[in-house]
Amino acid sequence: MSLKNWDNKTWLSSNSYIKFFNKFLIKETKINKNSVILDIGCGRGKILGNLTSKLRLINKPIGIDIEQHKDRDKRIIFNKSDAISYLKKNRKKFDLILLKQTIHFLPLKDIKKLLLLSMDCLNSGGRIAIFTLATSNNEIPTFAKMKKKLSKSLKRDQKILRFINGLYPGSISKTFSFKVKISREKYVEMIKNRYISTLLNLSNTEILKGISEISSKYNKRINFKDKLTCLFLK
């Protein structure tokens, strides 16, 4: 499944979002300049790149992704690979393994395998940080078809979170929330680009109908909270 636009030209790629996210991540994980970091599903690597500069990381962080974007961040070591294959070969130990809005693409059996391999790659005191869309009180602006597909996706995310909590009952759950202010025009453009996985399989006709719904449903300025559920495993 290809998703090339999830962190491109959206609030997810903005400096304000990245800085706010990394402030939260540093606070919750206590990473510092000596930390060794792996980002699974890193996209363009902008989060890792910002962390590199903010913390003045001694060890260049590693990002892996199945998409090799031309505009990926040069401050990271990028590896085009799927996570399980990478971790099976890996001999490095990490203080933080980050999975941001990635784990929902995997079946449960692969999630279990991925987490077991990740645990084996942690330094003493290291953490796995899993971020996924908040499954309740989600505020993402939607049209009817998108809302139906998103609701179905969030129900599966709930199942995934219960599954992970069953595997690691000592996990710590937190909520990350970012205030998004965006023009309706810009948001419509994001929908055209299928910025979220629930839009990937919609037809062009369904997308155009959805854009019409968004245009009539929302004001010229759209404000909402992008909320993520965060699980920290150690």
Protein backbone atom coordinates (compact mmCIF):
# COMPACT_ATOMS: atom_id res chain seq x y z
CA MET A 1 0.00 0.00 0.00
CA SER A 2 1.48 3.33 -1.09
CA LEU A 3 0.93 6.45 0.97
CA LYS A 4 3.28 9.13 -0.33
CA ASN A 5 1.43 12.21 0.88
CA TRP A 6 0.84 11.53 4.57
CA ASP A 7 3.60 13.88 5.79
CA ASN A 8 3.94 16.06 2.69
CA LYS A 9 2.41 19.54 2.52
CA THR A 10 0.10 18.96 5.49
CA TRP A 11 0.21 20.18 9.07
CA LEU A 12 2.24 17.01 9.77
CA SER A 13 5.16 18.50 7.84
CA SER A 14 4.94 21.97 9.37
CA ASN A 15 7.73 23.20 11.62
CA SER A 16 5.25 24.03 14.37
CA TYR A 17 3.85 20.47 14.39
CA ILE A 18 7.26 18.80 14.30
CA LYS A 19 8.63 20.99 17.09
CA PHE A 20 5.52 20.44 19.23
CA PHE A 21 5.62 16.68 18.64
CA ASN A 22 9.32 16.41 19.48
CA LYS A 23 8.87 18.46 22.66
CA PHE A 24 6.25 15.90 23.74
CA LEU A 25 8.46 12.97 22.70
CA ILE A 26 11.52 14.25 24.58
CA LYS A 27 9.49 14.89 27.72
CA GLU A 28 7.90 11.42 27.73
CA THR A 29 10.96 9.35 26.73
CA LYS A 30 13.80 11.36 28.35
CA ILE A 31 15.99 10.99 25.26
CA ASN A 32 19.12 13.15 25.08
CA LYS A 33 22.14 13.84 22.86
CA ASN A 34 23.56 10.38 23.59
CA SER A 35 20.40 8.50 22.58
CA VAL A 36 20.37 6.06 19.66
CA ILE A 37 17.06 6.35 17.80
CA LEU A 38 15.23 4.32 15.16
CA ASP A 39 12.08 5.56 13.38
CA ILE A 40 10.03 2.79 11.73
CA GLY A 41 7.97 4.28 8.91
CA CYS A 42 9.89 7.55 8.98
CA GLY A 43 8.39 9.05 5.81
CA ARG A 44 10.61 11.97 4.84
CA GLY A 45 12.47 11.82 8.15
CA LYS A 46 11.61 15.38 9.19
CA ILE A 47 10.85 14.43 12.80
CA LEU A 48 14.20 12.66 13.16
CA GLY A 49 15.99 15.51 11.41
CA ASN A 50 14.56 18.04 13.83
CA LEU A 51 15.47 15.81 16.78
CA THR A 52 19.03 15.59 15.48
CA SER A 53 19.40 19.37 15.54
CA LYS A 54 17.39 20.00 18.71
CA LEU A 55 19.28 17.44 20.83
CA ARG A 56 22.55 17.69 18.89
CA LEU A 57 22.52 13.93 18.63
CA ILE A 58 25.95 12.32 18.69
CA ASN A 59 24.61 9.23 16.92
CA LYS A 60 22.91 9.93 13.61
CA PRO A 61 19.35 8.51 13.90
CA ILE A 62 18.14 5.80 11.54
CA GLY A 63 14.88 5.96 9.63
CA ILE A 64 13.37 3.09 7.67
CA ASP A 65 10.50 3.26 5.21
CA ILE A 66 9.22 1.36 2.20
CA GLU A 67 8.96 4.68 0.30
CA GLN A 68 12.18 6.38 -0.72
CA HIS A 69 11.23 10.05 -0.96
CA LYS A 70 13.52 12.32 -2.95
CA ASP A 71 13.11 15.10 -0.38
CA ARG A 72 13.98 13.00 2.68
CA ASP A 73 15.93 14.69 5.45
CA LYS A 74 19.71 14.56 5.06
CA ARG A 75 20.33 14.61 8.81
CA ILE A 76 19.35 10.95 9.16
CA ILE A 77 20.57 7.57 7.94
CA PHE A 78 17.81 6.30 5.66
CA ASN A 79 17.19 2.64 4.89
CA LYS A 80 14.58 1.56 2.33
CA SER A 81 13.24 -1.59 3.95
CA ASP A 82 10.27 -3.16 5.66
CA ALA A 83 10.58 -3.11 9.43
CA ILE A 84 10.64 -6.85 10.13
CA SER A 85 13.34 -7.56 7.55
CA TYR A 86 15.45 -4.69 8.90
CA LEU A 87 15.14 -5.73 12.54
CA LYS A 88 16.00 -9.37 11.79
CA LYS A 89 19.35 -8.25 10.37
CA ASN A 90 19.98 -5.42 12.81
CA ARG A 91 22.75 -5.69 15.42
CA LYS A 92 22.48 -2.16 16.79
CA LYS A 93 20.84 -1.30 20.14
CA PHE A 94 18.46 1.64 20.44
CA ASP A 95 17.25 3.88 23.27
CA LEU A 96 14.09 4.76 21.36
CA ILE A 97 12.21 2.96 18.61
CA LEU A 98 9.47 5.19 17.20
CA LEU A 99 6.39 3.97 15.30
CA LYS A 100 4.28 6.99 14.39
CA GLN A 101 1.00 6.24 12.59
CA THR A 102 2.56 3.12 11.09
CA ILE A 103 1.51 0.06 13.04
CA HIS A 104 -2.10 -0.01 11.73
CA PHE A 105 -0.82 -1.10 8.31
CA LEU A 106 0.27 -4.47 9.74
CA PRO A 107 -1.74 -7.62 10.57
CA LEU A 108 -1.72 -8.65 14.26
CA LYS A 109 0.73 -11.53 13.75
CA ASP A 110 3.25 -9.14 12.16
CA ILE A 111 2.70 -6.56 14.91
CA LYS A 112 3.60 -9.19 17.50
CA LYS A 113 6.69 -10.20 15.53
CA LEU A 114 7.70 -6.56 15.03
CA LEU A 115 7.39 -5.72 18.72
CA LEU A 116 9.31 -8.82 19.83
CA LEU A 117 12.15 -7.96 17.45
CA SER A 118 12.06 -4.32 18.57
CA MET A 119 12.28 -5.33 22.24
CA ASP A 120 15.40 -7.36 21.44
CA CYS A 121 16.95 -4.24 19.89
CA LEU A 122 16.44 -1.96 22.92
CA ASN A 123 19.18 -0.83 25.25
CA SER A 124 18.54 -1.22 28.96
CA GLY A 125 16.01 1.48 29.84
CA GLY A 126 15.07 1.96 26.19
CA ARG A 127 11.50 2.47 24.99
CA ILE A 128 9.24 1.73 22.08
CA ALA A 129 6.87 4.64 21.33
CA ILE A 130 3.75 3.81 19.32
CA PHE A 131 1.54 6.65 18.06
CA THR A 132 -1.80 6.07 16.36
CA LEU A 133 -4.93 8.14 15.73
CA ALA A 134 -7.03 8.61 18.84
CA THR A 135 -9.88 6.12 18.59
CA SER A 136 -12.41 8.19 20.54
CA ASN A 137 -13.45 11.84 20.17
CA ASN A 138 -11.50 12.05 16.92
CA GLU A 139 -11.87 15.50 15.32
CA ILE A 140 -10.46 14.94 11.81
CA PRO A 141 -12.74 16.74 9.31
CA THR A 142 -14.55 14.17 7.16
CA PHE A 143 -17.22 13.68 4.55
CA ALA A 144 -19.76 10.85 4.76
CA LYS A 145 -17.84 8.13 2.91
CA MET A 146 -14.56 9.10 4.56
CA LYS A 147 -16.17 9.09 8.01
CA LYS A 148 -17.55 5.59 7.46
CA LYS A 149 -14.16 4.23 6.40
CA LEU A 150 -12.34 6.11 9.17
CA SER A 151 -14.73 4.71 11.81
CA LYS A 152 -14.02 1.21 10.56
CA SER A 153 -10.28 1.89 10.64
CA LEU A 154 -10.44 3.29 14.18
CA LYS A 155 -12.30 0.20 15.39
CA ARG A 156 -9.42 -1.89 14.08
CA ASP A 157 -6.97 0.47 15.81
CA GLN A 158 -8.84 -0.16 19.08
CA LYS A 159 -8.35 -3.88 18.52
CA ILE A 160 -4.64 -3.33 17.86
CA LEU A 161 -4.20 -1.26 21.03
CA ARG A 162 -5.98 -3.93 23.11
CA PHE A 163 -3.76 -6.57 21.51
CA ILE A 164 -0.57 -4.64 22.35
CA ASN A 165 -1.74 -3.94 25.90
CA GLY A 166 -2.37 -7.68 26.27
CA LEU A 167 1.18 -8.44 25.15
CA TYR A 168 2.68 -5.68 27.30
CA PRO A 169 0.35 -4.95 30.24
CA GLY A 170 2.91 -2.57 31.73
CA SER A 171 2.64 -0.16 28.80
CA ILE A 172 1.98 3.51 29.54
CA SER A 173 -0.75 5.31 27.58
CA LYS A 174 -0.72 9.05 26.87
CA THR A 175 -2.56 11.43 24.56
CA PHE A 176 -0.88 13.83 22.15
CA SER A 177 -2.97 16.73 20.87
CA PHE A 178 -2.06 19.40 18.32
CA LYS A 179 -4.31 22.34 17.39
CA VAL A 180 -4.68 22.47 13.62
CA LYS A 181 -5.70 25.69 11.86
CA ILE A 182 -6.03 25.23 8.13
CA SER A 183 -7.88 26.79 5.21
CA ARG A 184 -10.70 24.79 3.68
CA GLU A 185 -8.98 25.21 0.31
CA LYS A 186 -5.79 23.65 1.63
CA TYR A 187 -7.67 20.79 3.27
CA VAL A 188 -9.52 20.07 0.03
CA GLU A 189 -6.15 19.86 -1.73
CA MET A 190 -5.00 17.33 0.88
CA ILE A 191 -8.09 15.22 0.24
CA LYS A 192 -7.32 15.29 -3.50
CA ASN A 193 -3.85 13.99 -2.64
CA ARG A 194 -5.36 11.25 -0.43
CA TYR A 195 -3.31 12.37 2.56
CA ILE A 196 -4.77 9.72 4.91
CA SER A 197 -4.95 5.96 4.35
CA THR A 198 -8.76 5.85 4.53
CA LEU A 199 -8.88 7.82 1.26
CA LEU A 200 -6.56 5.54 -0.72
CA ASN A 201 -9.18 3.20 -2.14
CA LEU A 202 -11.87 5.77 -2.86
CA SER A 203 -12.68 6.40 -6.53
CA ASN A 204 -12.16 9.82 -8.12
CA THR A 205 -15.94 10.24 -8.18
CA GLU A 206 -16.16 9.54 -4.44
CA ILE A 207 -13.34 12.00 -3.76
CA LEU A 208 -15.02 14.75 -5.80
CA LYS A 209 -18.33 14.15 -4.04
CA GLY A 210 -16.50 14.29 -0.70
CA ILE A 211 -14.85 17.59 -1.60
CA SER A 212 -18.28 19.01 -2.38
CA GLU A 213 -19.49 17.88 1.06
CA ILE A 214 -16.45 19.42 2.79
CA SER A 215 -17.01 22.71 0.94
CA SER A 216 -20.62 22.95 2.15
CA LYS A 217 -20.00 21.52 5.64
CA TYR A 218 -17.02 23.60 6.81
CA ASN A 219 -16.12 27.29 6.98
CA LYS A 220 -13.26 28.80 5.01
CA ARG A 221 -11.04 28.27 8.07
CA ILE A 222 -11.08 24.83 9.68
CA ASN A 223 -9.94 24.39 13.28
CA PHE A 224 -9.64 21.03 15.01
CA LYS A 225 -7.39 18.96 17.27
CA ASP A 226 -5.23 16.24 15.75
CA LYS A 227 -5.18 13.73 18.59
CA LEU A 228 -2.98 10.66 18.86
CA THR A 229 -2.98 7.80 21.35
CA CYS A 230 0.56 7.03 22.47
CA LEU A 231 1.75 3.74 23.97
CA PHE A 232 5.17 3.56 25.56
CA LEU A 233 6.64 0.08 25.98
CA LYS A 234 9.79 -0.79 27.87
